[in-house]
C-alpha cells in the first residue's frame, strides 16, 4: 500500500514550526531580560531604565501568551 502524503501540509509545517519556536523563544527571552534588568535598575535607583525594562518584560509576556493561545486555538480547531 502506498501512503498518501499531504505535501502542502508538510510544507506549511516546515515554515510554521521554526517560526513558532523562534517567536516563543524570543518572547520568553524578553520576559527574562526585561524582568532581571528592571530589578537591577530599580535597585540602583534608575527609575526610567526600570520602567523601560518592565515594559519590555510585559511586552514579551504578552507576545508569549498570544503565541501560546494562538497555538492552542490552531491545535483544537484542526
Protein backbone atom coordinates (compact mmCIF):
# COMPACT_ATOMS: atom_id res chain seq x y z
CA UNK A 1 0.00 0.00 0.00
CA UNK A 2 1.22 3.48 -0.84
CA UNK A 3 0.58 6.13 1.80
CA UNK A 4 -0.76 9.45 0.63
CA UNK A 5 1.31 12.43 1.71
CA UNK A 6 -0.26 15.86 2.02
CA UNK A 7 2.65 17.90 0.68
CA UNK A 8 1.02 21.28 1.26
CA UNK A 9 0.51 20.49 4.96
CA UNK A 10 4.08 19.22 5.18
CA UNK A 11 5.44 22.41 3.60
CA UNK A 12 3.29 24.51 5.92
CA UNK A 13 4.77 22.65 8.87
CA UNK A 14 8.28 23.22 7.51
CA UNK A 15 7.97 27.00 7.88
CA UNK A 16 5.40 27.30 10.68
CA UNK A 17 7.23 25.21 13.26
CA UNK A 18 10.53 27.15 13.16
CA UNK A 19 8.61 30.43 13.19
CA UNK A 20 6.65 29.32 16.26
CA UNK A 21 9.82 28.19 18.05
CA UNK A 22 11.58 31.46 17.27
CA UNK A 23 8.60 33.55 18.41
CA UNK A 24 8.18 31.72 21.71
CA UNK A 25 11.92 31.73 22.42
CA UNK A 26 12.36 35.45 21.71
CA UNK A 27 9.23 36.34 23.69
CA UNK A 28 10.36 34.38 26.75
CA UNK A 29 13.84 35.88 26.41
CA UNK A 30 12.30 39.36 26.52
CA UNK A 31 10.44 38.43 29.70
CA UNK A 32 13.59 37.18 31.42
CA UNK A 33 15.81 40.03 30.23
CA UNK A 34 13.28 42.72 31.00
CA UNK A 35 12.49 41.41 34.47
CA UNK A 36 16.11 40.99 35.52
CA UNK A 37 17.23 44.34 34.12
CA UNK A 38 14.23 46.08 35.70
CA UNK A 39 15.12 44.65 39.09
CA UNK A 40 18.76 45.71 38.72
CA UNK A 41 17.81 49.21 37.59
CA UNK A 42 15.32 49.59 40.44
CA UNK A 43 17.96 48.59 42.99
CA UNK A 44 20.36 51.14 41.50
CA UNK A 45 17.73 53.89 41.63
CA UNK A 46 17.33 54.25 37.86
CA UNK A 47 13.58 54.52 37.65
CA UNK A 48 13.41 55.36 33.91
CA UNK A 49 15.50 52.33 32.98
CA UNK A 50 13.47 50.16 35.34
CA UNK A 51 10.22 51.32 33.75
CA UNK A 52 11.53 50.67 30.24
CA UNK A 53 12.72 47.20 31.13
CA UNK A 54 9.46 46.42 32.89
CA UNK A 55 7.62 47.46 29.72
CA UNK A 56 9.95 45.17 27.76
CA UNK A 57 9.12 42.27 30.10
CA UNK A 58 5.39 42.93 29.84
CA UNK A 59 5.58 43.11 26.04
CA UNK A 60 7.44 39.80 25.96
CA UNK A 61 4.87 38.28 28.29
CA UNK A 62 2.01 39.47 26.11
CA UNK A 63 3.70 38.09 22.99
CA UNK A 64 4.40 34.78 24.73
CA UNK A 65 0.80 34.50 25.91
CA UNK A 66 -0.55 35.39 22.47
CA UNK A 67 1.65 32.76 20.81
CA UNK A 68 0.57 30.15 23.34
CA UNK A 69 -3.13 30.91 22.91
CA UNK A 70 -2.79 31.01 19.11
CA UNK A 71 -1.09 27.62 19.12
CA UNK A 72 -3.77 26.12 21.34
CA UNK A 73 -6.54 27.51 19.14
CA UNK A 74 -4.89 26.13 16.00
CA UNK A 75 -4.43 22.70 17.58
CA UNK A 76 -8.01 22.45 18.80
CA UNK A 77 -9.63 23.59 15.55
CA UNK A 78 -7.81 21.21 13.20
